[in-house]
PDB file of N, CA and C in Angstrom:
ATOM      1  N   ARG A   1     -70.607 -64.992   6.369  1.00  0.00           N
ATOM      2  CA  ARG A   1     -70.216 -63.523   6.616  1.00  0.00           C
ATOM      3  C   ARG A   1     -71.129 -63.050   8.326  1.00  0.00           C
ATOM      4  N   SER A   2     -69.831 -62.237   9.362  1.00  0.00           N
ATOM      5  CA  SER A   2     -70.027 -62.301  10.725  1.00  0.00           C
ATOM      6  C   SER A   2     -71.429 -60.910  10.380  1.00  0.00           C
ATOM      7  N   THR A   3     -71.696 -61.123  11.844  1.00  0.00           N
ATOM      8  CA  THR A   3     -72.757 -59.482  12.598  1.00  0.00           C
ATOM      9  C   THR A   3     -71.627 -58.731  12.365  1.00  0.00           C
ATOM     10  N   LEU A   4     -69.978 -58.731  12.234  1.00  0.00           N
ATOM     11  CA  LEU A   4     -69.511 -57.871  12.702  1.00  0.00           C
ATOM     12  C   LEU A   4     -68.529 -56.693  11.411  1.00  0.00           C
ATOM     13  N   PHE A   5     -69.161 -57.574  10.446  1.00  0.00           N
ATOM     14  CA  PHE A   5     -68.103 -56.682   9.202  1.00  0.00           C
ATOM     15  C   PHE A   5     -69.138 -55.278   9.432  1.00  0.00           C
ATOM     16  N   PRO A   6     -69.688 -55.379   8.439  1.00  0.00           N
ATOM     17  CA  PRO A   6     -70.472 -53.570   8.775  1.00  0.00           C
ATOM     18  C   PRO A   6     -69.337 -52.847   9.659  1.00  0.00           C
ATOM     19  N   TYR A   7     -69.208 -52.985  10.822  1.00  0.00           N
ATOM     20  CA  TYR A   7     -68.180 -52.546  11.924  1.00  0.00           C
ATOM     21  C   TYR A   7     -67.059 -52.543  11.429  1.00  0.00           C
ATOM     22  N   THR A   8     -65.861 -52.936  11.308  1.00  0.00           N
ATOM     23  CA  THR A   8     -64.966 -53.489  10.836  1.00  0.00           C
ATOM     24  C   THR A   8     -64.555 -52.591   9.649  1.00  0.00           C
ATOM     25  N   THR A   9     -66.163 -52.587   9.309  1.00  0.00           N
ATOM     26  CA  THR A   9     -65.234 -51.682   7.713  1.00  0.00           C
ATOM     27  C   THR A   9     -65.425 -50.111   7.946  1.00  0.00           C
ATOM     28  N   LEU A  10     -66.623 -50.327   8.765  1.00  0.00           N
ATOM     29  CA  LEU A  10     -66.610 -49.135   9.702  1.00  0.00           C
ATOM     30  C   LEU A  10     -65.871 -48.047  10.244  1.00  0.00           C
ATOM     31  N   PHE A  11     -65.111 -48.861  11.380  1.00  0.00           N
ATOM     32  CA  PHE A  11     -63.345 -48.966  11.255  1.00  0.00           C
ATOM     33  C   PHE A  11     -62.482 -48.813  10.818  1.00  0.00           C
ATOM     34  N   ARG A  12     -62.214 -49.285   9.755  1.00  0.00           N
ATOM     35  CA  ARG A  12     -61.341 -49.608   9.023  1.00  0.00           C
ATOM     36  C   ARG A  12     -61.687 -48.141   8.328  1.00  0.00           C
ATOM     37  N   SER A  13     -62.443 -48.118   7.839  1.00  0.00           N
ATOM     38  CA  SER A  13     -62.557 -46.167   6.808  1.00  0.00           C
ATOM     39  C   SER A  13     -62.100 -45.628   7.640  1.00  0.00           C
ATOM     40  N   THR A  14     -62.487 -45.090   8.956  1.00  0.00           N
ATOM     41  CA  THR A  14     -62.000 -44.178  10.163  1.00  0.00           C
ATOM     42  C   THR A  14     -61.136 -44.499   9.807  1.00  0.00           C
ATOM     43  N   GLN A  15     -59.974 -45.343  10.691  1.00  0.00           N
ATOM     44  CA  GLN A  15     -58.600 -45.909  10.077  1.00  0.00           C
ATOM     45  C   GLN A  15     -58.174 -45.103   8.760  1.00  0.00           C
ATOM     46  N   ILE A  16     -58.154 -45.647   7.863  1.00  0.00           N
ATOM     47  CA  ILE A  16     -58.142 -45.339   6.869  1.00  0.00           C
ATOM     48  C   ILE A  16     -58.131 -43.598   6.770  1.00  0.00           C
ATOM     49  N   GLN A  17     -58.994 -42.890   6.546  1.00  0.00           N
ATOM     50  CA  GLN A  17     -59.735 -42.029   6.755  1.00  0.00           C
ATOM     51  C   GLN A  17     -58.618 -40.638   6.996  1.00  0.00           C
ATOM     52  N   ALA A  18     -58.342 -41.629   8.590  1.00  0.00           N
ATOM     53  CA  ALA A  18     -57.541 -40.637   9.643  1.00  0.00           C
ATOM     54  C   ALA A  18     -55.694 -41.036   8.832  1.00  0.00           C
ATOM     55  N   GLU A  19     -55.619 -42.196   8.458  1.00  0.00           N
ATOM     56  CA  GLU A  19     -54.437 -41.950   8.052  1.00  0.00           C
ATOM     57  C   GLU A  19     -54.085 -40.789   6.658  1.00  0.00           C
ATOM     58  N   VAL A  20     -54.796 -41.083   6.052  1.00  0.00           N
ATOM     59  CA  VAL A  20     -54.635 -40.220   4.961  1.00  0.00           C
ATOM     60  C   VAL A  20     -54.970 -38.616   5.101  1.00  0.00           C
ATOM     61  N   SER A  21     -55.575 -37.917   6.016  1.00  0.00           N
ATOM     62  CA  SER A  21     -55.912 -37.323   6.394  1.00  0.00           C
ATOM     63  C   SER A  21     -54.112 -36.481   7.256  1.00  0.00           C
ATOM     64  N   ILE A  22     -53.201 -37.533   8.369  1.00  0.00           N
ATOM     65  CA  ILE A  22     -51.844 -37.122   8.440  1.00  0.00           C
ATOM     66  C   ILE A  22     -51.424 -37.722   7.906  1.00  0.00           C
ATOM     67  N   ALA A  23     -51.253 -38.505   6.579  1.00  0.00           N
ATOM     68  CA  ALA A  23     -50.558 -38.510   5.252  1.00  0.00           C
ATOM     69  C   ALA A  23     -50.807 -37.345   4.093  1.00  0.00           C
ATOM     70  N   THR A  24     -52.257 -36.321   4.358  1.00  0.00           N
ATOM     71  CA  THR A  24     -52.654 -35.290   3.738  1.00  0.00           C
ATOM     72  C   THR A  24     -51.617 -33.868   4.321  1.00  0.00           C
ATOM     73  N   ALA A  25     -51.114 -34.500   5.629  1.00  0.00           N
ATOM     74  CA  ALA A  25     -51.293 -33.162   6.425  1.00  0.00           C
ATOM     75  C   ALA A  25     -50.000 -33.439   6.426  1.00  0.00           C
ATOM     76  N   ARG A  26     -49.068 -33.904   6.005  1.00  0.00           N
ATOM     77  CA  ARG A  26     -47.447 -34.411   5.919  1.00  0.00           C
ATOM     78  C   ARG A  26     -47.179 -33.837   4.410  1.00  0.00           C
ATOM     79  N   ALA A  27     -47.737 -34.345   3.731  1.00  0.00           N
ATOM     80  CA  ALA A  27     -47.389 -34.011   2.269  1.00  0.00           C
ATOM     81  C   ALA A  27     -47.223 -32.588   2.237  1.00  0.00           C
ATOM     82  N   THR A  28     -48.223 -31.960   2.831  1.00  0.00           N
ATOM     83  CA  THR A  28     -49.250 -30.533   2.639  1.00  0.00           C
ATOM     84  C   THR A  28     -47.916 -29.785   3.423  1.00  0.00           C
ATOM     85  N   ASP A  29     -47.415 -30.498   4.428  1.00  0.00           N
ATOM     86  CA  ASP A  29     -46.501 -30.078   5.758  1.00  0.00           C
ATOM     87  C   ASP A  29     -45.464 -29.557   4.933  1.00  0.00           C
ATOM     88  N   GLU A  30     -44.360 -30.800   3.940  1.00  0.00           N
ATOM     89  CA  GLU A  30     -43.154 -31.006   3.595  1.00  0.00           C
ATOM     90  C   GLU A  30     -43.437 -30.069   1.841  1.00  0.00           C
ATOM     91  N   ALA A  31     -45.105 -30.135   1.168  1.00  0.00           N
ATOM     92  CA  ALA A  31     -44.483 -28.647  -0.055  1.00  0.00           C
ATOM     93  C   ALA A  31     -44.727 -27.223   0.372  1.00  0.00           C
ATOM     94  N   GLU A  32     -45.020 -27.072   1.382  1.00  0.00           N
ATOM     95  CA  GLU A  32     -44.731 -25.891   2.187  1.00  0.00           C
ATOM     96  C   GLU A  32     -43.672 -25.182   2.346  1.00  0.00           C
ATOM     97  N   LYS A  33     -43.080 -26.653   3.063  1.00  0.00           N
ATOM     98  CA  LYS A  33     -41.614 -26.113   3.221  1.00  0.00           C
ATOM     99  C   LYS A  33     -40.997 -26.281   1.947  1.00  0.00           C
ATOM    100  N   VAL A  34     -40.887 -26.684   0.917  1.00  0.00           N
ATOM    101  CA  VAL A  34     -40.693 -27.100  -0.828  1.00  0.00           C
ATOM    102  C   VAL A  34     -40.442 -25.546  -1.248  1.00  0.00           C
ATOM    103  N   LEU A  35     -41.740 -24.612  -1.175  1.00  0.00           N
ATOM    104  CA  LEU A  35     -42.341 -23.840  -2.193  1.00  0.00           C
ATOM    105  C   LEU A  35     -41.075 -23.185  -1.128  1.00  0.00           C
ATOM    106  N   THR A  36     -41.775 -23.215  -0.259  1.00  0.00           N
ATOM    107  CA  THR A  36     -41.000 -21.790   1.247  1.00  0.00           C
ATOM    108  C   THR A  36     -39.829 -21.786   0.175  1.00  0.00           C
ATOM    109  N   GLU A  37     -39.438 -22.848   0.566  1.00  0.00           N
ATOM    110  CA  GLU A  37     -37.585 -22.810   0.250  1.00  0.00           C
ATOM    111  C   GLU A  37     -36.814 -22.357  -1.233  1.00  0.00           C
ATOM    112  N   ARG A  38     -37.996 -22.868  -1.924  1.00  0.00           N
ATOM    113  CA  ARG A  38     -38.110 -22.254  -3.817  1.00  0.00           C
ATOM    114  C   ARG A  38     -38.405 -19.856  -3.871  1.00  0.00           C
ATOM    115  N   ILE A  39     -39.066 -19.875  -3.076  1.00  0.00           N
ATOM    116  CA  ILE A  39     -39.413 -19.010  -3.134  1.00  0.00           C
ATOM    117  C   ILE A  39     -38.350 -18.457  -2.405  1.00  0.00           C
ATOM    118  N   ASN A  40     -37.491 -18.623  -2.225  1.00  0.00           N
ATOM    119  CA  ASN A  40     -36.384 -17.822  -0.162  1.00  0.00           C
ATOM    120  C   ASN A  40     -35.375 -17.665  -2.135  1.00  0.00           C
ATOM    121  N   GLU A  41     -35.311 -18.639  -2.526  1.00  0.00           N
ATOM    122  CA  GLU A  41     -33.783 -18.523  -3.697  1.00  0.00           C
ATOM    123  C   GLU A  41     -34.255 -17.836  -4.717  1.00  0.00           C
ATOM    124  N   MET A  42     -35.494 -18.368  -4.723  1.00  0.00           N
ATOM    125  CA  MET A  42     -35.925 -16.917  -5.720  1.00  0.00           C
ATOM    126  C   MET A  42     -35.718 -15.553  -6.006  1.00  0.00           C
ATOM    127  N   ALA A  43     -36.291 -14.759  -4.726  1.00  0.00           N
ATOM    128  CA  ALA A  43     -35.934 -13.771  -4.088  1.00  0.00           C
ATOM    129  C   ALA A  43     -34.849 -13.385  -4.062  1.00  0.00           C
ATOM    130  N   ASP A  44     -34.146 -14.900  -3.041  1.00  0.00           N
ATOM    131  CA  ASP A  44     -32.555 -14.302  -3.603  1.00  0.00           C
ATOM    132  C   ASP A  44     -31.687 -13.414  -4.901  1.00  0.00           C
ATOM    133  N   ASP A  45     -32.037 -14.683  -5.429  1.00  0.00           N
ATOM    134  CA  ASP A  45     -31.712 -14.526  -7.033  1.00  0.00           C
ATOM    135  C   ASP A  45     -32.152 -13.033  -7.728  1.00  0.00           C
ATOM    136  N   VAL A  46     -33.426 -12.497  -7.177  1.00  0.00           N
ATOM    137  CA  VAL A  46     -33.586 -11.675  -8.093  1.00  0.00           C
ATOM    138  C   VAL A  46     -32.832 -10.569  -7.246  1.00  0.00           C
ATOM    139  N   ILE A  47     -32.754 -11.042  -6.326  1.00  0.00           N
ATOM    140  CA  ILE A  47     -32.417  -9.189  -5.011  1.00  0.00           C
ATOM    141  C   ILE A  47     -30.474  -9.683  -6.144  1.00  0.00           C
ATOM    142  N   GLN A  48     -30.229 -10.444  -6.476  1.00  0.00           N
ATOM    143  CA  GLN A  48     -28.588 -10.203  -6.618  1.00  0.00           C
ATOM    144  C   GLN A  48     -28.713  -9.733  -7.877  1.00  0.00           C
ATOM    145  N   LYS A  49     -29.977  -9.778  -9.181  1.00  0.00           N
ATOM    146  CA  LYS A  49     -29.852  -8.923 -10.113  1.00  0.00           C
ATOM    147  C   LYS A  49     -30.050  -7.663  -9.768  1.00  0.00           C
ATOM    148  N   VAL A  50     -30.797  -7.054  -9.620  1.00  0.00           N
ATOM    149  CA  VAL A  50     -31.131  -6.310  -9.298  1.00  0.00           C
ATOM    150  C   VAL A  50     -30.191  -5.506  -8.577  1.00  0.00           C
ATOM    151  N   ASN A  51     -29.504  -5.788  -7.322  1.00  0.00           N
ATOM    152  CA  ASN A  51     -28.361  -5.306  -7.483  1.00  0.00           C
ATOM    153  C   ASN A  51     -27.272  -5.510  -7.719  1.00  0.00           C
ATOM    154  N   ALA A  52     -27.859  -6.848  -9.107  1.00  0.00           N
ATOM    155  CA  ALA A  52     -26.024  -6.281 -10.190  1.00  0.00           C
ATOM    156  C   ALA A  52     -26.121  -4.508 -11.245  1.00  0.00           C
ATOM    157  N   SER A  53     -27.851  -4.818 -11.588  1.00  0.00           N
ATOM    158  CA  SER A  53     -28.338  -4.142 -12.503  1.00  0.00           C
ATOM    159  C   SER A  53     -28.053  -2.509 -12.194  1.00  0.00           C
ATOM    160  N   THR A  54     -28.773  -2.497 -10.959  1.00  0.00           N
ATOM    161  CA  THR A  54     -28.280  -0.913 -10.245  1.00  0.00           C
ATOM    162  C   THR A  54     -26.112  -0.372 -10.117  1.00  0.00           C
ATOM    163  N   ALA A  55     -25.663  -1.349  -9.722  1.00  0.00           N
ATOM    164  CA  ALA A  55     -24.142  -1.294 -10.096  1.00  0.00           C
ATOM    165  C   ALA A  55     -24.646  -1.004 -11.206  1.00  0.00           C
ATOM    166  N   VAL A  56     -24.260  -0.929 -11.950  1.00  0.00           N
ATOM    167  CA  VAL A  56     -24.067  -1.383 -13.871  1.00  0.00           C
ATOM    168  C   VAL A  56     -25.359   0.115 -14.610  1.00  0.00           C
ATOM    169  N   ILE A  57     -26.216   0.689 -13.793  1.00  0.00           N
ATOM    170  CA  ILE A  57     -27.031   1.685 -13.640  1.00  0.00           C
ATOM    171  C   ILE A  57     -26.321   2.124 -12.944  1.00  0.00           C
ATOM    172  N   THR A  58     -25.776   2.491 -11.792  1.00  0.00           N
ATOM    173  CA  THR A  58     -24.711   3.524 -11.267  1.00  0.00           C
ATOM    174  C   THR A  58     -23.409   4.019 -11.314  1.00  0.00           C
ATOM    175  N   GLU A  59     -23.154   3.273 -12.795  1.00  0.00           N
ATOM    176  CA  GLU A  59     -21.542   3.237 -13.322  1.00  0.00           C
ATOM    177  C   GLU A  59     -22.229   3.642 -14.811  1.00  0.00           C
ATOM    178  N   LYS A  60     -23.374   3.618 -15.425  1.00  0.00           N
ATOM    179  CA  LYS A  60     -23.673   4.901 -16.246  1.00  0.00           C
ATOM    180  C   LYS A  60     -24.209   6.015 -15.597  1.00  0.00           C
ATOM    181  N   LEU A  61     -24.884   6.437 -15.279  1.00  0.00           N
ATOM    182  CA  LEU A  61     -24.941   7.680 -13.925  1.00  0.00           C
ATOM    183  C   LEU A  61     -23.900   8.238 -13.913  1.00  0.00           C
ATOM    184  N   LYS A  62     -23.053   7.959 -13.543  1.00  0.00           N
ATOM    185  CA  LYS A  62     -21.895   8.733 -13.059  1.00  0.00           C
ATOM    186  C   LYS A  62     -20.905   9.062 -14.152  1.00  0.00           C
ATOM    187  N   ALA A  63     -20.613   7.808 -15.449  1.00  0.00           N
ATOM    188  CA  ALA A  63     -20.497   8.378 -16.530  1.00  0.00           C
ATOM    189  C   ALA A  63     -20.585   9.789 -17.582  1.00  0.00           C
ATOM    190  N   ALA A  64     -22.207  10.148 -17.413  1.00  0.00           N
ATOM    191  CA  ALA A  64     -23.273  10.274 -18.024  1.00  0.00           C
ATOM    192  C   ALA A  64     -23.210  12.005 -17.052  1.00  0.00           C
ATOM    193  N   GLU A  65     -23.082  11.685 -15.743  1.00  0.00           N
ATOM    194  CA  GLU A  65     -22.942  12.827 -14.652  1.00  0.00           C
ATOM    195  C   GLU A  65     -21.688  13.919 -15.188  1.00  0.00           C
ATOM    196  N   GLN A  66     -20.530  12.993 -15.742  1.00  0.00           N
ATOM    197  CA  GLN A  66     -19.112  13.842 -15.979  1.00  0.00           C
ATOM    198  C   GLN A  66     -19.230  13.834 -17.354  1.00  0.00           C
ATOM    199  N   GLU A  67     -19.500  13.477 -18.529  1.00  0.00           N
ATOM    200  CA  GLU A  67     -19.678  13.682 -19.582  1.00  0.00           C
ATOM    201  C   GLU A  67     -20.376  15.322 -19.363  1.00  0.00           C
ATOM    202  N   ILE A  68     -22.012  15.361 -18.422  1.00  0.00           N
ATOM    203  CA  ILE A  68     -22.243  17.184 -18.237  1.00  0.00           C
ATOM    204  C   ILE A  68     -21.502  17.586 -17.576  1.00  0.00           C
ATOM    205  N   ALA A  69     -20.767  17.228 -16.881  1.00  0.00           N
ATOM    206  CA  ALA A  69     -19.817  18.281 -16.030  1.00  0.00           C
ATOM    207  C   ALA A  69     -19.098  18.457 -16.994  1.00  0.00           C
ATOM    208  N   ARG A  70     -17.704  17.555 -18.545  1.00  0.00           N
ATOM    209  CA  ARG A  70     -17.429  18.199 -19.202  1.00  0.00           C
ATOM    210  C   ARG A  70     -17.904  19.155 -19.956  1.00  0.00           C
ATOM    211  N   VAL A  71     -19.107  19.273 -20.458  1.00  0.00           N
ATOM    212  CA  VAL A  71     -19.796  20.090 -22.011  1.00  0.00           C
ATOM    213  C   VAL A  71     -20.225  21.044 -21.120  1.00  0.00           C
ATOM    214  N   LYS A  72     -20.665  21.329 -19.818  1.00  0.00           N
ATOM    215  CA  LYS A  72     -20.898  22.256 -18.962  1.00  0.00           C
ATOM    216  C   LYS A  72     -19.440  23.479 -19.014  1.00  0.00           C
ATOM    217  N   ASP A  73     -18.300  22.941 -18.447  1.00  0.00           N
ATOM    218  CA  ASP A  73     -17.041  23.066 -18.617  1.00  0.00           C
ATOM    219  C   ASP A  73     -16.874  23.736 -20.162  1.00  0.00           C
ATOM    220  N   ASP A  74     -17.192  23.152 -21.308  1.00  0.00           N
ATOM    221  CA  ASP A  74     -16.656  23.429 -22.867  1.00  0.00           C
ATOM    222  C   ASP A  74     -17.926  24.719 -22.840  1.00  0.00           C
ATOM    223  N   ILE A  75     -19.107  24.726 -22.737  1.00  0.00           N
ATOM    224  CA  ILE A  75     -19.978  25.938 -22.455  1.00  0.00           C
ATOM    225  C   ILE A  75     -19.250  26.935 -21.740  1.00  0.00           C
ATOM    226  N   HIS A  76     -19.060  26.892 -20.543  1.00  0.00           N
ATOM    227  CA  HIS A  76     -18.152  27.856 -20.268  1.00  0.00           C
ATOM    228  C   HIS A  76     -17.238  28.773 -20.417  1.00  0.00           C
ATOM    229  N   TYR A  77     -16.243  27.502 -21.089  1.00  0.00           N
ATOM    230  CA  TYR A  77     -15.219  28.399 -21.484  1.00  0.00           C
ATOM    231  C   TYR A  77     -15.438  28.758 -23.122  1.00  0.00           C
ATOM    232  N   GLU A  78     -16.279  28.503 -23.394  1.00  0.00           N
ATOM    233  CA  GLU A  78     -16.057  28.782 -24.913  1.00  0.00           C
ATOM    234  C   GLU A  78     -17.582  30.294 -25.450  1.00  0.00           C
ATOM    235  N   ARG A  79     -17.901  30.514 -24.036  1.00  0.00           N
ATOM    236  CA  ARG A  79     -18.944  31.856 -23.820  1.00  0.00           C
ATOM    237  C   ARG A  79     -18.007  32.423 -23.362  1.00  0.00           C
ATOM    238  N   GLY A  80     -16.565  32.817 -22.888  1.00  0.00           N
ATOM    239  CA  GLY A  80     -15.875  33.093 -22.619  1.00  0.00           C
ATOM    240  C   GLY A  80     -14.710  33.741 -23.497  1.00  0.00           C
ATOM    241  N   SER A  81     -15.099  32.748 -23.971  1.00  0.00           N
ATOM    242  CA  SER A  81     -14.202  33.171 -25.592  1.00  0.00           C
ATOM    243  C   SER A  81     -14.801  34.226 -26.052  1.00  0.00           C
ATOM    244  N   ARG A  82     -16.004  34.580 -27.084  1.00  0.00           N
ATOM    245  CA  ARG A  82     -16.408  34.835 -26.793  1.00  0.00           C
ATOM    246  C   ARG A  82     -16.824  36.140 -26.574  1.00  0.00           C
ATOM    247  N   LYS A  83     -17.151  35.579 -25.026  1.00  0.00           N
ATOM    248  CA  LYS A  83     -17.081  37.292 -24.220  1.00  0.00           C
ATOM    249  C   LYS A  83     -16.320  37.712 -24.733  1.00  0.00           C
ATOM    250  N   PHE A  84     -15.100  37.737 -24.581  1.00  0.00           N
ATOM    251  CA  PHE A  84     -13.920  38.285 -24.692  1.00  0.00           C
ATOM    252  C   PHE A  84     -13.584  38.670 -26.822  1.00  0.00           C
ATOM    253  N   MET A  85     -13.489  37.793 -27.515  1.00  0.00           N
ATOM    254  CA  MET A  85     -13.773  38.449 -28.646  1.00  0.00           C
ATOM    255  C   MET A  85     -15.075  39.529 -28.233  1.00  0.00           C
ATOM    256  N   PHE A  86     -15.871  39.663 -28.469  1.00  0.00           N
ATOM    257  CA  PHE A  86     -16.712  40.565 -27.953  1.00  0.00           C
ATOM    258  C   PHE A  86     -16.278  42.038 -27.895  1.00  0.00           C
ATOM    259  N   LEU A  87     -15.670  41.620 -26.838  1.00  0.00           N
ATOM    260  CA  LEU A  87     -15.367  42.923 -26.522  1.00  0.00           C
ATOM    261  C   LEU A  87     -13.773  43.170 -26.872  1.00  0.00           C
ATOM    262  N   SER A  88     -13.505  42.346 -27.121  1.00  0.00           N
ATOM    263  CA  SER A  88     -12.208  42.871 -27.875  1.00  0.00           C
ATOM    264  C   SER A  88     -12.373  43.585 -29.161  1.00  0.00           C
ATOM    265  N   THR A  89     -13.305  43.219 -30.028  1.00  0.00           N
ATOM    266  CA  THR A  89     -12.994  44.182 -31.023  1.00  0.00           C
ATOM    267  C   THR A  89     -13.493  45.192 -31.348  1.00  0.00           C
ATOM    268  N   PRO A  90     -14.015  45.880 -31.069  1.00  0.00           N
ATOM    269  CA  PRO A  90     -13.891  47.428 -31.389  1.00  0.00           C
ATOM    270  C   PRO A  90     -12.153  47.956 -30.703  1.00  0.00           C
ATOM    271  N   VAL A  91     -11.744  47.257 -29.540  1.00  0.00           N
ATOM    272  CA  VAL A  91     -10.405  47.632 -29.059  1.00  0.00           C
ATOM    273  C   VAL A  91      -9.636  47.502 -30.362  1.00  0.00           C
ATOM    274  N   MET A  92      -9.433  45.776 -31.237  1.00  0.00           N
ATOM    275  CA  MET A  92      -9.005  45.612 -32.079  1.00  0.00           C
ATOM    276  C   MET A  92      -9.594  46.534 -33.817  1.00  0.00           C
ATOM    277  N   LEU A  93     -10.884  47.234 -33.657  1.00  0.00           N
ATOM    278  CA  LEU A  93     -10.687  47.807 -34.835  1.00  0.00           C
ATOM    279  C   LEU A  93     -10.562  49.776 -34.498  1.00  0.00           C
ATOM    280  N   PHE A  94      -9.397  49.865 -33.143  1.00  0.00           N
ATOM    281  CA  PHE A  94     -10.090  50.967 -33.786  1.00  0.00           C
ATOM    282  C   PHE A  94      -7.459  51.056 -33.598  1.00  0.00           C
ATOM    283  N   VAL A  95      -7.275  49.974 -33.074  1.00  0.00           N
ATOM    284  CA  VAL A  95      -6.197  49.627 -32.949  1.00  0.00           C
ATOM    285  C   VAL A  95      -5.771  49.547 -34.590  1.00  0.00           C
ATOM    286  N   ARG A  96      -6.437  48.771 -35.127  1.00  0.00           N
ATOM    287  CA  ARG A  96      -6.686  48.733 -37.122  1.00  0.00           C
ATOM    288  C   ARG A  96      -6.178  49.990 -36.974  1.00  0.00           C
ATOM    289  N   ILE A  97      -7.445  50.845 -36.793  1.00  0.00           N
ATOM    290  CA  ILE A  97      -7.986  52.427 -37.940  1.00  0.00           C
ATOM    291  C   ILE A  97      -6.554  53.431 -37.179  1.00  0.00           C
ATOM    292  N   VAL A  98      -5.750  52.927 -35.821  1.00  0.00           N
ATOM    293  CA  VAL A  98      -4.513  53.803 -35.431  1.00  0.00           C
ATOM    294  C   VAL A  98      -3.462  53.469 -36.511  1.00  0.00           C
ATOM    295  N   LEU A  99      -3.477  52.099 -36.971  1.00  0.00           N
ATOM    296  CA  LEU A  99      -1.997  51.798 -37.525  1.00  0.00           C
ATOM    297  C   LEU A  99      -1.972  52.262 -38.938  1.00  0.00           C
ATOM    298  N   THR A 100      -3.284  52.275 -39.308  1.00  0.00           N
ATOM    299  CA  THR A 100      -3.741  52.313 -40.287  1.00  0.00           C
ATOM    300  C   THR A 100      -3.693  54.141 -40.598  1.00  0.00           C
ATOM    301  N   ALA A 101      -3.689  54.229 -39.791  1.00  0.00           N
ATOM    302  CA  ALA A 101      -3.616  56.345 -40.338  1.00  0.00           C
ATOM    303  C   ALA A 101      -2.453  56.824 -39.918  1.00  0.00           C
ATOM    304  N   ILE A 102      -1.796  55.966 -38.784  1.00  0.00           N
ATOM    305  CA  ILE A 102       0.390  56.247 -38.636  1.00  0.00           C
ATOM    306  C   ILE A 102       1.031  55.756 -40.410  1.00  0.00           C
ATOM    307  N   LEU A 103       0.527  54.885 -40.722  1.00  0.00           N
ATOM    308  CA  LEU A 103       1.045  53.791 -42.104  1.00  0.00           C
ATOM    309  C   LEU A 103       0.545  54.922 -43.223  1.00  0.00           C
ATOM    310  N   LEU A 104      -0.609  55.407 -43.065  1.00  0.00           N
ATOM    311  CA  LEU A 104      -1.225  56.526 -43.935  1.00  0.00           C
ATOM    312  C   LEU A 104      -0.158  57.971 -44.903  1.00  0.00           C
ATOM    313  N   ILE A 105      -0.633  58.616 -43.067  1.00  0.00           N
ATOM    314  CA  ILE A 105       0.831  59.732 -42.427  1.00  0.00           C
ATOM    315  C   ILE A 105       1.933  59.242 -42.697  1.00  0.00           C
ATOM    316  N   LYS A 106       2.659  58.387 -43.012  1.00  0.00           N
ATOM    317  CA  LYS A 106       4.242  58.135 -43.204  1.00  0.00           C
ATOM    318  C   LYS A 106       4.493  58.742 -44.647  1.00  0.00           C
TER     319      LYS A 106
END
């Protein structure tokens, strides 16, 4: 063995450590890029799904609003006809009494 053996081993181990550090940094950078790309793709997918769900919910909301408007119109019409019948009932009773009296007098 040479007397330089420990120094060459030390130099090699320092060189290996430097190469390992460089390889680790490259791998970390590459992994970060891949993860960033995947996260962006997933975020885009989520945004598309949310937009699609929002469109469906908006359509259902519009349909519900139209149904509510129809029901309100029906209630208003029904209330109007009830009011008419309420107000016209005494008049119709009076007309009936008058007609009955006329027919009885004849």
